[in-house]
Amino acid sequence: MSFLKGTKFATNHWWSTSFWKIGAIVFFSFYYYKILERASFRKIIKTTGVLFFSFCIIYIGFHWEEFFIRFFPVISVLGAVVVFLCSVLYFVEILQSDRILTFYKSINFYISAAIFIWWLIITPLVFYDMYHTSWDWNFIFLKWEIYLFANIFMYSTFTFALIFCKPETSIEKS
């Protein structure tokens, strides 16, 4: 797209930050808010999600010019913390209920496990982004392999869960 050359929109840093680094975390917060049953856990998730989103907007506001040319490690790491918190609260809720007896039939369990492991694998790569240059093709290839295998694991887990888990009945929550 030649009309984008020389503009702020020429690279995808802003797009990836907006819709993956921030949007995905807000979605996961919403997802776990909907599946958790304990009011205290739901309140923690809601508060954490709103604080994360607010922090991101303020941080991007103060670093507006950098928003278009680089990724923000602090947003990635805080996003991972939010996802870990959501997953851990889900696992704790499962452990404290009778659903522990049939957890292996729950699609939410497989989604939580896959997301937890995926973010655990991918988050440390943020600290090595300084090596992502044309000077270090070994790192670029290693990072590509890590993402490839992490994505294969995550999407294979999702596929397994969608095929073999029975749909769960919806419980209306306020």
N, C-alpha and C. Protein backbone atom coordinates (compact mmCIF):
# COMPACT_ATOMS: atom_id res chain seq x y z
N MET A 1 0.83 -1.16 0.00
CA MET A 1 0.00 0.00 0.00
C MET A 1 0.88 1.24 0.00
N SER A 2 1.09 1.76 -1.15
CA SER A 2 2.01 2.88 -1.30
C SER A 2 1.48 4.17 -0.68
N PHE A 3 0.17 4.30 -0.54
CA PHE A 3 -0.36 5.53 0.03
C PHE A 3 -0.09 5.66 1.53
N LEU A 4 0.32 4.57 2.19
CA LEU A 4 0.64 4.61 3.62
C LEU A 4 2.11 4.92 3.88
N LYS A 5 2.95 4.80 2.86
CA LYS A 5 4.39 5.04 3.06
C LYS A 5 4.62 6.47 3.53
N GLY A 6 5.43 6.57 4.58
CA GLY A 6 5.76 7.88 5.12
C GLY A 6 4.75 8.41 6.12
N THR A 7 3.70 7.66 6.41
CA THR A 7 2.71 8.10 7.40
C THR A 7 2.92 7.33 8.71
N LYS A 8 2.18 7.74 9.73
CA LYS A 8 2.27 7.05 11.02
C LYS A 8 1.69 5.64 10.94
N PHE A 9 0.85 5.40 9.97
CA PHE A 9 0.17 4.12 9.85
C PHE A 9 0.95 3.10 9.00
N ALA A 10 2.17 3.42 8.64
CA ALA A 10 2.97 2.54 7.78
C ALA A 10 3.35 1.23 8.48
N THR A 11 3.53 1.27 9.80
CA THR A 11 3.85 0.04 10.53
C THR A 11 2.62 -0.39 11.32
N ASN A 12 2.64 -1.61 11.79
CA ASN A 12 1.47 -2.14 12.49
C ASN A 12 1.61 -2.09 14.00
N HIS A 13 2.52 -1.33 14.55
CA HIS A 13 2.69 -1.26 16.00
C HIS A 13 1.42 -0.77 16.68
N TRP A 14 0.83 0.28 16.16
CA TRP A 14 -0.38 0.84 16.76
C TRP A 14 -1.55 -0.12 16.67
N TRP A 15 -1.65 -0.82 15.56
CA TRP A 15 -2.75 -1.77 15.35
C TRP A 15 -2.63 -2.95 16.30
N SER A 16 -1.45 -3.50 16.41
CA SER A 16 -1.21 -4.64 17.29
C SER A 16 -1.40 -4.26 18.75
N THR A 17 -0.90 -3.10 19.13
CA THR A 17 -1.06 -2.66 20.52
C THR A 17 -2.53 -2.45 20.84
N SER A 18 -3.25 -1.80 19.95
CA SER A 18 -4.66 -1.49 20.20
C SER A 18 -5.53 -2.73 20.30
N PHE A 19 -5.36 -3.63 19.33
CA PHE A 19 -6.32 -4.72 19.24
C PHE A 19 -5.83 -6.04 19.84
N TRP A 20 -4.54 -6.24 19.97
CA TRP A 20 -4.09 -7.48 20.59
C TRP A 20 -3.62 -7.23 22.01
N LYS A 21 -2.71 -6.32 22.20
CA LYS A 21 -2.14 -6.10 23.53
C LYS A 21 -3.16 -5.52 24.51
N ILE A 22 -4.10 -4.71 24.01
CA ILE A 22 -5.11 -4.12 24.88
C ILE A 22 -6.46 -4.80 24.69
N GLY A 23 -6.91 -4.90 23.44
CA GLY A 23 -8.23 -5.47 23.15
C GLY A 23 -8.40 -6.90 23.62
N ALA A 24 -7.38 -7.72 23.45
CA ALA A 24 -7.48 -9.12 23.88
C ALA A 24 -7.59 -9.22 25.40
N ILE A 25 -6.87 -8.36 26.11
CA ILE A 25 -6.90 -8.40 27.57
C ILE A 25 -8.27 -7.95 28.07
N VAL A 26 -8.82 -6.92 27.45
CA VAL A 26 -10.16 -6.46 27.83
C VAL A 26 -11.18 -7.57 27.54
N PHE A 27 -11.02 -8.25 26.40
CA PHE A 27 -11.93 -9.36 26.08
C PHE A 27 -11.82 -10.48 27.12
N PHE A 28 -10.59 -10.87 27.48
CA PHE A 28 -10.42 -11.94 28.48
C PHE A 28 -11.01 -11.53 29.83
N SER A 29 -10.86 -10.27 30.20
CA SER A 29 -11.47 -9.80 31.44
C SER A 29 -12.98 -9.94 31.38
N PHE A 30 -13.56 -9.57 30.26
CA PHE A 30 -15.00 -9.70 30.07
C PHE A 30 -15.43 -11.16 30.09
N TYR A 31 -14.67 -12.01 29.41
CA TYR A 31 -14.98 -13.45 29.35
C TYR A 31 -14.98 -14.07 30.75
N TYR A 32 -13.93 -13.80 31.52
CA TYR A 32 -13.86 -14.37 32.87
C TYR A 32 -14.89 -13.73 33.80
N TYR A 33 -15.20 -12.49 33.57
CA TYR A 33 -16.27 -11.86 34.36
C TYR A 33 -17.58 -12.60 34.14
N LYS A 34 -17.81 -13.06 32.94
CA LYS A 34 -19.04 -13.78 32.62
C LYS A 34 -19.05 -15.22 33.14
N ILE A 35 -17.91 -15.88 33.19
CA ILE A 35 -17.92 -17.30 33.58
C ILE A 35 -17.70 -17.53 35.07
N LEU A 36 -17.13 -16.55 35.76
CA LEU A 36 -16.92 -16.71 37.20
C LEU A 36 -18.25 -16.53 37.93
N GLU A 37 -18.41 -17.30 39.01
CA GLU A 37 -19.65 -17.25 39.76
C GLU A 37 -19.54 -16.46 41.07
N ARG A 38 -18.39 -16.48 41.70
CA ARG A 38 -18.22 -15.76 42.97
C ARG A 38 -18.18 -14.25 42.72
N ALA A 39 -19.02 -13.53 43.46
CA ALA A 39 -19.13 -12.08 43.27
C ALA A 39 -17.81 -11.37 43.56
N SER A 40 -17.07 -11.85 44.56
CA SER A 40 -15.80 -11.20 44.88
C SER A 40 -14.78 -11.36 43.75
N PHE A 41 -14.73 -12.53 43.14
CA PHE A 41 -13.82 -12.74 42.02
C PHE A 41 -14.24 -11.90 40.82
N ARG A 42 -15.53 -11.81 40.57
CA ARG A 42 -16.04 -11.01 39.46
C ARG A 42 -15.69 -9.53 39.67
N LYS A 43 -15.79 -9.07 40.90
CA LYS A 43 -15.47 -7.68 41.20
C LYS A 43 -13.98 -7.42 40.98
N ILE A 44 -13.13 -8.37 41.39
CA ILE A 44 -11.69 -8.24 41.18
C ILE A 44 -11.38 -8.16 39.69
N ILE A 45 -12.00 -9.03 38.90
CA ILE A 45 -11.76 -9.04 37.45
C ILE A 45 -12.22 -7.74 36.81
N LYS A 46 -13.40 -7.30 37.18
CA LYS A 46 -13.93 -6.06 36.61
C LYS A 46 -13.03 -4.87 36.95
N THR A 47 -12.63 -4.76 38.20
CA THR A 47 -11.77 -3.66 38.63
C THR A 47 -10.42 -3.73 37.93
N THR A 48 -9.84 -4.91 37.85
CA THR A 48 -8.55 -5.08 37.20
C THR A 48 -8.63 -4.72 35.72
N GLY A 49 -9.68 -5.17 35.05
CA GLY A 49 -9.85 -4.86 33.63
C GLY A 49 -9.99 -3.37 33.38
N VAL A 50 -10.79 -2.70 34.19
CA VAL A 50 -10.98 -1.26 34.03
C VAL A 50 -9.68 -0.51 34.34
N LEU A 51 -8.97 -0.90 35.39
CA LEU A 51 -7.69 -0.26 35.72
C LEU A 51 -6.67 -0.47 34.61
N PHE A 52 -6.62 -1.68 34.06
CA PHE A 52 -5.68 -1.96 32.97
C PHE A 52 -6.00 -1.09 31.76
N PHE A 53 -7.26 -1.04 31.38
CA PHE A 53 -7.66 -0.24 30.21
C PHE A 53 -7.36 1.24 30.44
N SER A 54 -7.67 1.73 31.63
CA SER A 54 -7.41 3.14 31.96
C SER A 54 -5.91 3.43 31.91
N PHE A 55 -5.12 2.53 32.49
CA PHE A 55 -3.66 2.72 32.46
C PHE A 55 -3.16 2.78 31.02
N CYS A 56 -3.65 1.89 30.18
CA CYS A 56 -3.20 1.85 28.78
C CYS A 56 -3.52 3.16 28.06
N ILE A 57 -4.73 3.66 28.25
CA ILE A 57 -5.12 4.91 27.59
C ILE A 57 -4.22 6.06 28.06
N ILE A 58 -3.99 6.15 29.36
CA ILE A 58 -3.14 7.22 29.90
C ILE A 58 -1.69 7.06 29.42
N TYR A 59 -1.18 5.83 29.46
CA TYR A 59 0.20 5.58 29.04
C TYR A 59 0.39 5.92 27.56
N ILE A 60 -0.55 5.50 26.74
CA ILE A 60 -0.45 5.82 25.31
C ILE A 60 -0.57 7.32 25.09
N GLY A 61 -1.42 7.97 25.88
CA GLY A 61 -1.55 9.43 25.77
C GLY A 61 -0.24 10.15 26.03
N PHE A 62 0.52 9.67 27.01
CA PHE A 62 1.81 10.28 27.32
C PHE A 62 2.91 9.88 26.35
N HIS A 63 2.73 8.79 25.64
CA HIS A 63 3.74 8.31 24.69
C HIS A 63 3.15 8.21 23.28
N TRP A 64 2.40 9.21 22.89
CA TRP A 64 1.64 9.17 21.64
C TRP A 64 2.51 8.93 20.41
N GLU A 65 3.62 9.61 20.30
CA GLU A 65 4.47 9.46 19.11
C GLU A 65 5.09 8.07 19.04
N GLU A 66 5.45 7.50 20.18
CA GLU A 66 6.04 6.16 20.21
C GLU A 66 5.01 5.08 19.90
N PHE A 67 3.75 5.39 20.12
CA PHE A 67 2.66 4.44 19.88
C PHE A 67 2.66 3.91 18.44
N PHE A 68 3.14 4.72 17.51
CA PHE A 68 3.12 4.35 16.09
C PHE A 68 4.42 3.70 15.62
N ILE A 69 5.44 3.68 16.48
CA ILE A 69 6.73 3.16 16.01
C ILE A 69 7.29 2.00 16.83
N ARG A 70 6.68 1.68 17.98
CA ARG A 70 7.19 0.57 18.78
C ARG A 70 6.09 -0.02 19.65
N PHE A 71 6.38 -1.20 20.19
CA PHE A 71 5.49 -1.85 21.15
C PHE A 71 5.86 -1.37 22.55
N PHE A 72 4.90 -1.45 23.46
CA PHE A 72 5.14 -1.04 24.84
C PHE A 72 5.24 -2.29 25.72
N PRO A 73 6.43 -2.59 26.22
CA PRO A 73 6.59 -3.78 27.07
C PRO A 73 5.74 -3.72 28.33
N VAL A 74 5.56 -2.54 28.90
CA VAL A 74 4.79 -2.44 30.14
C VAL A 74 3.34 -2.86 29.91
N ILE A 75 2.79 -2.54 28.77
CA ILE A 75 1.41 -2.95 28.46
C ILE A 75 1.34 -4.46 28.28
N SER A 76 2.32 -5.03 27.63
CA SER A 76 2.35 -6.49 27.44
C SER A 76 2.46 -7.24 28.76
N VAL A 77 3.32 -6.78 29.62
CA VAL A 77 3.52 -7.46 30.90
C VAL A 77 2.30 -7.29 31.80
N LEU A 78 1.75 -6.08 31.88
CA LEU A 78 0.55 -5.88 32.68
C LEU A 78 -0.63 -6.68 32.13
N GLY A 79 -0.71 -6.78 30.80
CA GLY A 79 -1.76 -7.60 30.19
C GLY A 79 -1.61 -9.05 30.57
N ALA A 80 -0.38 -9.53 30.59
CA ALA A 80 -0.14 -10.92 31.00
C ALA A 80 -0.54 -11.13 32.46
N VAL A 81 -0.26 -10.15 33.30
CA VAL A 81 -0.64 -10.24 34.71
C VAL A 81 -2.16 -10.33 34.85
N VAL A 82 -2.88 -9.54 34.06
CA VAL A 82 -4.35 -9.58 34.09
C VAL A 82 -4.86 -10.95 33.64
N VAL A 83 -4.29 -11.50 32.58
CA VAL A 83 -4.71 -12.82 32.10
C VAL A 83 -4.39 -13.89 33.13
N PHE A 84 -3.21 -13.82 33.75
CA PHE A 84 -2.86 -14.78 34.78
C PHE A 84 -3.82 -14.69 35.96
N LEU A 85 -4.16 -13.47 36.36
CA LEU A 85 -5.10 -13.28 37.45
C LEU A 85 -6.46 -13.89 37.11
N CYS A 86 -6.95 -13.64 35.91
CA CYS A 86 -8.23 -14.20 35.49
C CYS A 86 -8.20 -15.73 35.53
N SER A 87 -7.16 -16.30 34.96
CA SER A 87 -7.04 -17.77 34.93
C SER A 87 -6.93 -18.36 36.33
N VAL A 88 -6.11 -17.75 37.16
CA VAL A 88 -5.92 -18.27 38.51
C VAL A 88 -7.22 -18.18 39.31
N LEU A 89 -7.94 -17.09 39.19
CA LEU A 89 -9.21 -16.98 39.89
C LEU A 89 -10.20 -18.03 39.41
N TYR A 90 -10.18 -18.33 38.11
CA TYR A 90 -11.04 -19.39 37.59
C TYR A 90 -10.63 -20.74 38.19
N PHE A 91 -9.34 -21.03 38.21
CA PHE A 91 -8.87 -22.30 38.76
C PHE A 91 -9.19 -22.41 40.25
N VAL A 92 -9.04 -21.33 40.98
CA VAL A 92 -9.37 -21.34 42.41
C VAL A 92 -10.86 -21.60 42.61
N GLU A 93 -11.68 -20.95 41.79
CA GLU A 93 -13.12 -21.18 41.91
C GLU A 93 -13.48 -22.64 41.61
N ILE A 94 -12.83 -23.21 40.63
CA ILE A 94 -13.06 -24.63 40.31
C ILE A 94 -12.65 -25.51 41.49
N LEU A 95 -11.49 -25.22 42.07
CA LEU A 95 -11.00 -26.01 43.20
C LEU A 95 -11.90 -25.91 44.42
N GLN A 96 -12.57 -24.79 44.59
CA GLN A 96 -13.42 -24.59 45.76
C GLN A 96 -14.86 -25.03 45.55
N SER A 97 -15.15 -25.65 44.42
CA SER A 97 -16.52 -26.06 44.16
C SER A 97 -16.57 -27.55 43.82
N ASP A 98 -17.77 -28.02 43.62
CA ASP A 98 -17.96 -29.42 43.22
C ASP A 98 -17.61 -29.65 41.75
N ARG A 99 -17.42 -28.58 41.02
CA ARG A 99 -17.07 -28.72 39.60
C ARG A 99 -15.70 -29.34 39.40
N ILE A 100 -14.92 -29.43 40.47
CA ILE A 100 -13.60 -30.06 40.37
C ILE A 100 -13.73 -31.53 39.96
N LEU A 101 -14.88 -32.12 40.26
CA LEU A 101 -15.10 -33.53 39.92
C LEU A 101 -15.26 -33.76 38.42
N THR A 102 -15.70 -32.73 37.71
CA THR A 102 -15.92 -32.87 36.26
C THR A 102 -15.23 -31.77 35.48
N PHE A 103 -14.12 -31.24 35.98
CA PHE A 103 -13.44 -30.13 35.31
C PHE A 103 -13.01 -30.50 33.89
N TYR A 104 -12.68 -31.76 33.67
CA TYR A 104 -12.17 -32.19 32.37
C TYR A 104 -13.24 -32.17 31.28
N LYS A 105 -14.49 -31.94 31.66
CA LYS A 105 -15.57 -31.84 30.68
C LYS A 105 -15.89 -30.39 30.34
N SER A 106 -15.23 -29.45 30.98
CA SER A 106 -15.54 -28.04 30.82
C SER A 106 -14.67 -27.37 29.76
N ILE A 107 -15.30 -26.74 28.81
CA ILE A 107 -14.56 -26.01 27.78
C ILE A 107 -13.81 -24.83 28.40
N ASN A 108 -14.39 -24.24 29.45
CA ASN A 108 -13.73 -23.11 30.11
C ASN A 108 -12.41 -23.52 30.76
N PHE A 109 -12.32 -24.74 31.23
CA PHE A 109 -11.07 -25.22 31.81
C PHE A 109 -9.98 -25.28 30.74
N TYR A 110 -10.29 -25.84 29.59
CA TYR A 110 -9.29 -25.97 28.53
C TYR A 110 -8.89 -24.60 27.98
N ILE A 111 -9.86 -23.71 27.86
CA ILE A 111 -9.54 -22.35 27.41
C ILE A 111 -8.62 -21.68 28.43
N SER A 112 -8.94 -21.80 29.70
CA SER A 112 -8.12 -21.18 30.74
C SER A 112 -6.72 -21.76 30.78
N ALA A 113 -6.61 -23.06 30.69
CA ALA A 113 -5.29 -23.69 30.72
C ALA A 113 -4.46 -23.28 29.51
N ALA A 114 -5.06 -23.29 28.33
CA ALA A 114 -4.34 -22.92 27.11
C ALA A 114 -3.90 -21.46 27.14
N ILE A 115 -4.80 -20.58 27.55
CA ILE A 115 -4.47 -19.16 27.60
C ILE A 115 -3.37 -18.90 28.64
N PHE A 116 -3.47 -19.55 29.78
CA PHE A 116 -2.46 -19.38 30.83
C PHE A 116 -1.09 -19.80 30.32
N ILE A 117 -1.01 -20.97 29.73
CA ILE A 117 0.28 -21.47 29.24
C ILE A 117 0.79 -20.63 28.08
N TRP A 118 -0.09 -20.21 27.17
CA TRP A 118 0.32 -19.40 26.03
C TRP A 118 0.94 -18.09 26.50
N TRP A 119 0.27 -17.38 27.41
CA TRP A 119 0.81 -16.11 27.90
C TRP A 119 2.07 -16.33 28.71
N LEU A 120 2.19 -17.44 29.40
CA LEU A 120 3.39 -17.76 30.16
C LEU A 120 4.60 -17.96 29.22
N ILE A 121 4.35 -18.52 28.07
CA ILE A 121 5.42 -18.74 27.10
C ILE A 121 5.78 -17.46 26.35
N ILE A 122 4.79 -16.69 25.95
CA ILE A 122 5.00 -15.55 25.07
C ILE A 122 5.48 -14.29 25.80
N THR A 123 5.05 -14.08 27.02
CA THR A 123 5.37 -12.84 27.73
C THR A 123 6.88 -12.57 27.88
N PRO A 124 7.71 -13.55 28.20
CA PRO A 124 9.15 -13.24 28.32
C PRO A 124 9.80 -12.75 27.03
N LEU A 125 9.20 -13.03 25.89
CA LEU A 125 9.78 -12.56 24.63
C LEU A 125 9.79 -11.04 24.53
N VAL A 126 8.91 -10.39 25.28
CA VAL A 126 8.84 -8.93 25.28
C VAL A 126 10.18 -8.32 25.72
N PHE A 127 10.84 -8.97 26.65
CA PHE A 127 12.09 -8.43 27.18
C PHE A 127 13.24 -8.55 26.19
N TYR A 128 13.06 -9.34 25.16
CA TYR A 128 14.12 -9.54 24.17
C TYR A 128 13.81 -8.87 22.84
N ASP A 129 12.82 -8.00 22.80
CA ASP A 129 12.47 -7.33 21.55
C ASP A 129 13.59 -6.46 21.00
N MET A 130 14.51 -6.04 21.85
CA MET A 130 15.62 -5.21 21.36
C MET A 130 16.50 -5.99 20.37
N TYR A 131 16.43 -7.32 20.41
CA TYR A 131 17.21 -8.13 19.48
C TYR A 131 16.48 -8.39 18.17
N HIS A 132 15.25 -7.92 18.07
CA HIS A 132 14.44 -8.14 16.87
C HIS A 132 14.83 -7.11 15.81
N THR A 133 16.01 -7.29 15.24
CA THR A 133 16.51 -6.41 14.19
C THR A 133 17.01 -7.27 13.05
N SER A 134 17.28 -6.64 11.95
CA SER A 134 17.79 -7.40 10.80
C SER A 134 19.21 -7.90 11.04
N TRP A 135 19.83 -7.46 12.12
CA TRP A 135 21.19 -7.90 12.45
C TRP A 135 21.20 -9.27 13.12
N ASP A 136 20.08 -9.66 13.71
CA ASP A 136 20.05 -10.90 14.47
C ASP A 136 18.96 -11.83 13.95
N TRP A 137 19.24 -12.48 12.84
CA TRP A 137 18.25 -13.37 12.22
C TRP A 137 18.03 -14.64 13.05
N ASN A 138 19.00 -15.03 13.84
CA ASN A 138 18.81 -16.20 14.70
C ASN A 138 17.70 -15.96 15.72
N PHE A 139 17.69 -14.75 16.32
CA PHE A 139 16.63 -14.43 17.27
C PHE A 139 15.28 -14.34 16.58
N ILE A 140 15.24 -13.73 15.42
CA ILE A 140 13.98 -13.61 14.68
C ILE A 140 13.42 -14.99 14.38
N PHE A 141 14.27 -15.92 13.95
CA PHE A 141 13.82 -17.27 13.67
C PHE A 141 13.36 -17.99 14.93
N LEU A 142 14.11 -17.81 16.04
CA LEU A 142 13.73 -18.43 17.32
C LEU A 142 12.39 -17.88 17.80
N LYS A 143 12.20 -16.58 17.71
CA LYS A 143 10.94 -15.97 18.14
C LYS A 143 9.78 -16.50 17.28
N TRP A 144 10.02 -16.62 15.99
CA TRP A 144 9.00 -17.15 15.08
C TRP A 144 8.64 -18.58 15.48
N GLU A 145 9.64 -19.41 15.79
CA GLU A 145 9.38 -20.79 16.20
C GLU A 145 8.61 -20.86 17.51
N ILE A 146 8.97 -20.02 18.46
CA ILE A 146 8.27 -20.01 19.75
C ILE A 146 6.81 -19.64 19.54
N TYR A 147 6.55 -18.60 18.77
CA TYR A 147 5.16 -18.22 18.48
C TYR A 147 4.43 -19.33 17.74
N LEU A 148 5.09 -19.96 16.78
CA LEU A 148 4.46 -21.02 16.01
C LEU A 148 4.02 -22.18 16.91
N PHE A 149 4.93 -22.67 17.73
CA PHE A 149 4.60 -23.82 18.58
C PHE A 149 3.63 -23.45 19.69
N ALA A 150 3.74 -22.25 20.22
CA ALA A 150 2.77 -21.80 21.24
C ALA A 150 1.37 -21.69 20.63
N ASN A 151 1.29 -21.15 19.42
CA ASN A 151 -0.01 -21.04 18.75
C ASN A 151 -0.58 -22.41 18.38
N ILE A 152 0.27 -23.31 17.92
CA ILE A 152 -0.20 -24.66 17.60
C ILE A 152 -0.75 -25.32 18.87
N PHE A 153 -0.04 -25.19 19.99
CA PHE A 153 -0.53 -25.75 21.24
C PHE A 153 -1.87 -25.14 21.63
N MET A 154 -1.95 -23.82 21.61
CA MET A 154 -3.17 -23.15 22.05
C MET A 154 -4.36 -23.51 21.16
N TYR A 155 -4.20 -23.42 19.86
CA TYR A 155 -5.33 -23.69 18.98
C TYR A 155 -5.67 -25.17 18.92
N SER A 156 -4.70 -26.04 19.12
CA SER A 156 -5.01 -27.47 19.23
C SER A 156 -5.84 -27.75 20.48
N THR A 157 -5.49 -27.09 21.57
CA THR A 157 -6.27 -27.25 22.81
C THR A 157 -7.68 -26.72 22.62
N PHE A 158 -7.82 -25.56 21.98
CA PHE A 158 -9.15 -25.02 21.71
C PHE A 158 -9.96 -25.98 20.83
N THR A 159 -9.33 -26.53 19.82
CA THR A 159 -10.01 -27.46 18.92
C THR A 159 -10.48 -28.70 19.67
N PHE A 160 -9.59 -29.27 20.47
CA PHE A 160 -9.96 -30.42 21.28
C PHE A 160 -11.16 -30.10 22.17
N ALA A 161 -11.10 -28.95 22.84
CA ALA A 161 -12.18 -28.56 23.76
C ALA A 161 -13.50 -28.36 23.01
N LEU A 162 -13.44 -27.73 21.86
CA LEU A 162 -14.67 -27.50 21.09
C LEU A 162 -15.28 -28.80 20.58
N ILE A 163 -14.45 -29.77 20.27
CA ILE A 163 -14.96 -31.04 19.74
C ILE A 163 -15.48 -31.95 20.86
N PHE A 164 -14.74 -32.06 21.96
CA PHE A 164 -15.05 -33.08 22.96
C PHE A 164 -15.81 -32.60 24.20
N CYS A 165 -15.91 -31.32 24.43
CA CYS A 165 -16.61 -30.83 25.62
C CYS A 165 -18.07 -30.55 25.29
N LYS A 166 -18.91 -30.89 26.24
CA LYS A 166 -20.33 -30.61 26.09
C LYS A 166 -20.60 -29.15 26.42
N PRO A 167 -21.57 -28.54 25.75
CA PRO A 167 -21.89 -27.15 26.09
C PRO A 167 -22.39 -27.04 27.52
N GLU A 168 -22.00 -25.96 28.17
CA GLU A 168 -22.41 -25.75 29.55
C GLU A 168 -23.69 -24.93 29.56
N THR A 169 -24.53 -25.18 30.56
CA THR A 169 -25.74 -24.40 30.67
C THR A 169 -25.42 -23.02 31.21
N SER A 170 -26.13 -22.07 30.72
CA SER A 170 -25.88 -20.68 31.10
C SER A 170 -26.62 -20.36 32.40
N ILE A 171 -25.90 -19.73 33.30
CA ILE A 171 -26.49 -19.28 34.56
C ILE A 171 -26.54 -17.76 34.51
N GLU A 172 -27.72 -17.21 34.69
CA GLU A 172 -27.89 -15.76 34.61
C GLU A 172 -27.27 -15.07 35.82
N LYS A 173 -26.36 -14.12 35.58
CA LYS A 173 -25.69 -13.38 36.64
C LYS A 173 -25.94 -11.91 36.43
N SER A 174 -25.91 -11.17 37.50
CA SER A 174 -26.08 -9.72 37.37
C SER A 174 -24.76 -9.01 37.30
